Amino acid sequence: MGRMAVQIAHNGGWDEIALIVAPLLAVGGFLWCANNWAKKRAEPEQ
């Protein structure tokens, strides 16, 4: 049982990479959206 848990926990490193990359992409996406929103609000209406 213990050996199986170790094998499940380490699946070639992709799961550890996903734990870092996914939040970074989410924060980057939120910052990109907020930046676009702020630029649209700052432009004078014509």
N, C-alpha and C. Protein backbone atom coordinates (compact mmCIF):
# COMPACT_ATOMS: atom_id res chain seq x y z
N MET A 1 0.83 -1.20 0.00
CA MET A 1 0.00 0.00 0.00
C MET A 1 0.87 1.26 0.00
N GLY A 2 1.90 1.28 0.83
CA GLY A 2 2.76 2.45 0.90
C GLY A 2 3.52 2.69 -0.39
N ARG A 3 3.96 1.62 -1.02
CA ARG A 3 4.71 1.75 -2.28
C ARG A 3 3.81 2.30 -3.38
N MET A 4 2.56 1.88 -3.41
CA MET A 4 1.63 2.36 -4.42
C MET A 4 1.37 3.86 -4.24
N ALA A 5 1.26 4.32 -3.01
CA ALA A 5 1.04 5.74 -2.74
C ALA A 5 2.21 6.58 -3.24
N VAL A 6 3.42 6.08 -3.09
CA VAL A 6 4.59 6.80 -3.56
C VAL A 6 4.57 6.89 -5.08
N GLN A 7 4.18 5.82 -5.75
CA GLN A 7 4.14 5.83 -7.21
C GLN A 7 3.06 6.77 -7.72
N ILE A 8 1.94 6.87 -7.04
CA ILE A 8 0.87 7.77 -7.46
C ILE A 8 1.28 9.22 -7.23
N ALA A 9 1.99 9.48 -6.17
CA ALA A 9 2.35 10.85 -5.83
C ALA A 9 3.38 11.44 -6.79
N HIS A 10 4.19 10.61 -7.43
CA HIS A 10 5.23 11.11 -8.32
C HIS A 10 5.01 10.54 -9.72
N ASN A 11 4.28 11.30 -10.52
CA ASN A 11 3.95 10.85 -11.87
C ASN A 11 4.85 11.54 -12.90
N GLY A 12 6.12 11.44 -12.75
CA GLY A 12 7.04 11.99 -13.73
C GLY A 12 7.29 13.49 -13.58
N GLY A 13 6.74 14.11 -12.59
CA GLY A 13 6.99 15.53 -12.35
C GLY A 13 5.96 16.46 -12.96
N TRP A 14 5.08 15.97 -13.83
CA TRP A 14 4.11 16.87 -14.47
C TRP A 14 3.13 17.45 -13.47
N ASP A 15 2.78 16.69 -12.43
CA ASP A 15 1.82 17.19 -11.46
C ASP A 15 2.42 18.31 -10.61
N GLU A 16 3.70 18.19 -10.28
CA GLU A 16 4.35 19.27 -9.53
C GLU A 16 4.49 20.52 -10.39
N ILE A 17 4.78 20.33 -11.67
CA ILE A 17 4.88 21.47 -12.58
C ILE A 17 3.52 22.15 -12.71
N ALA A 18 2.46 21.37 -12.81
CA ALA A 18 1.11 21.92 -12.94
C ALA A 18 0.72 22.73 -11.71
N LEU A 19 1.18 22.32 -10.53
CA LEU A 19 0.86 23.06 -9.31
C LEU A 19 1.51 24.44 -9.30
N ILE A 20 2.57 24.63 -10.04
CA ILE A 20 3.23 25.93 -10.14
C ILE A 20 2.70 26.73 -11.32
N VAL A 21 2.58 26.08 -12.47
CA VAL A 21 2.23 26.78 -13.71
C VAL A 21 0.77 27.24 -13.70
N ALA A 22 -0.15 26.42 -13.22
CA ALA A 22 -1.57 26.77 -13.27
C ALA A 22 -1.88 28.06 -12.50
N PRO A 23 -1.42 28.23 -11.27
CA PRO A 23 -1.69 29.49 -10.58
C PRO A 23 -1.01 30.69 -11.25
N LEU A 24 0.20 30.48 -11.79
CA LEU A 24 0.87 31.58 -12.47
C LEU A 24 0.09 32.02 -13.71
N LEU A 25 -0.43 31.06 -14.46
CA LEU A 25 -1.24 31.40 -15.63
C LEU A 25 -2.53 32.10 -15.22
N ALA A 26 -3.14 31.65 -14.14
CA ALA A 26 -4.37 32.28 -13.67
C ALA A 26 -4.13 33.72 -13.24
N VAL A 27 -3.09 33.95 -12.46
CA VAL A 27 -2.77 35.32 -12.02
C VAL A 27 -2.41 36.18 -13.22
N GLY A 28 -1.63 35.64 -14.15
CA GLY A 28 -1.27 36.39 -15.36
C GLY A 28 -2.50 36.75 -16.17
N GLY A 29 -3.44 35.83 -16.28
CA GLY A 29 -4.68 36.11 -17.00
C GLY A 29 -5.49 37.19 -16.33
N PHE A 30 -5.60 37.14 -15.01
CA PHE A 30 -6.34 38.17 -14.28
C PHE A 30 -5.66 39.54 -14.45
N LEU A 31 -4.34 39.57 -14.39
CA LEU A 31 -3.62 40.84 -14.56
C LEU A 31 -3.80 41.39 -15.97
N TRP A 32 -3.78 40.51 -16.97
CA TRP A 32 -3.98 40.93 -18.36
C TRP A 32 -5.38 41.53 -18.54
N CYS A 33 -6.38 40.86 -17.98
CA CYS A 33 -7.76 41.37 -18.07
C CYS A 33 -7.89 42.71 -17.34
N ALA A 34 -7.32 42.81 -16.17
CA ALA A 34 -7.41 44.06 -15.41
C ALA A 34 -6.70 45.19 -16.14
N ASN A 35 -5.58 44.89 -16.78
CA ASN A 35 -4.85 45.90 -17.53
C ASN A 35 -5.66 46.39 -18.72
N ASN A 36 -6.28 45.46 -19.44
CA ASN A 36 -7.12 45.86 -20.57
C ASN A 36 -8.31 46.68 -20.11
N TRP A 37 -8.91 46.29 -19.00
CA TRP A 37 -10.05 47.02 -18.45
C TRP A 37 -9.64 48.44 -18.05
N ALA A 38 -8.48 48.57 -17.42
CA ALA A 38 -8.01 49.88 -16.99
C ALA A 38 -7.69 50.78 -18.19
N LYS A 39 -7.11 50.19 -19.24
CA LYS A 39 -6.81 50.97 -20.45
C LYS A 39 -8.09 51.49 -21.10
N LYS A 40 -9.12 50.65 -21.16
CA LYS A 40 -10.38 51.08 -21.76
C LYS A 40 -11.02 52.18 -20.94
N ARG A 41 -10.91 52.10 -19.62
CA ARG A 41 -11.50 53.13 -18.75
C ARG A 41 -10.73 54.44 -18.83
N ALA A 42 -9.44 54.38 -19.13
CA ALA A 42 -8.61 55.59 -19.17
C ALA A 42 -8.74 56.34 -20.47
N GLU A 43 -9.19 55.68 -21.54
CA GLU A 43 -9.31 56.35 -22.84
C GLU A 43 -10.50 57.32 -22.81
N PRO A 44 -10.30 58.53 -23.33
CA PRO A 44 -11.42 59.46 -23.38
C PRO A 44 -12.44 59.02 -24.42
N GLU A 45 -13.72 59.17 -24.10
CA GLU A 45 -14.75 58.78 -25.05
C GLU A 45 -14.89 59.83 -26.13
N GLN A 46 -15.12 59.36 -27.34
CA GLN A 46 -15.24 60.30 -28.46
C GLN A 46 -16.66 60.30 -29.01
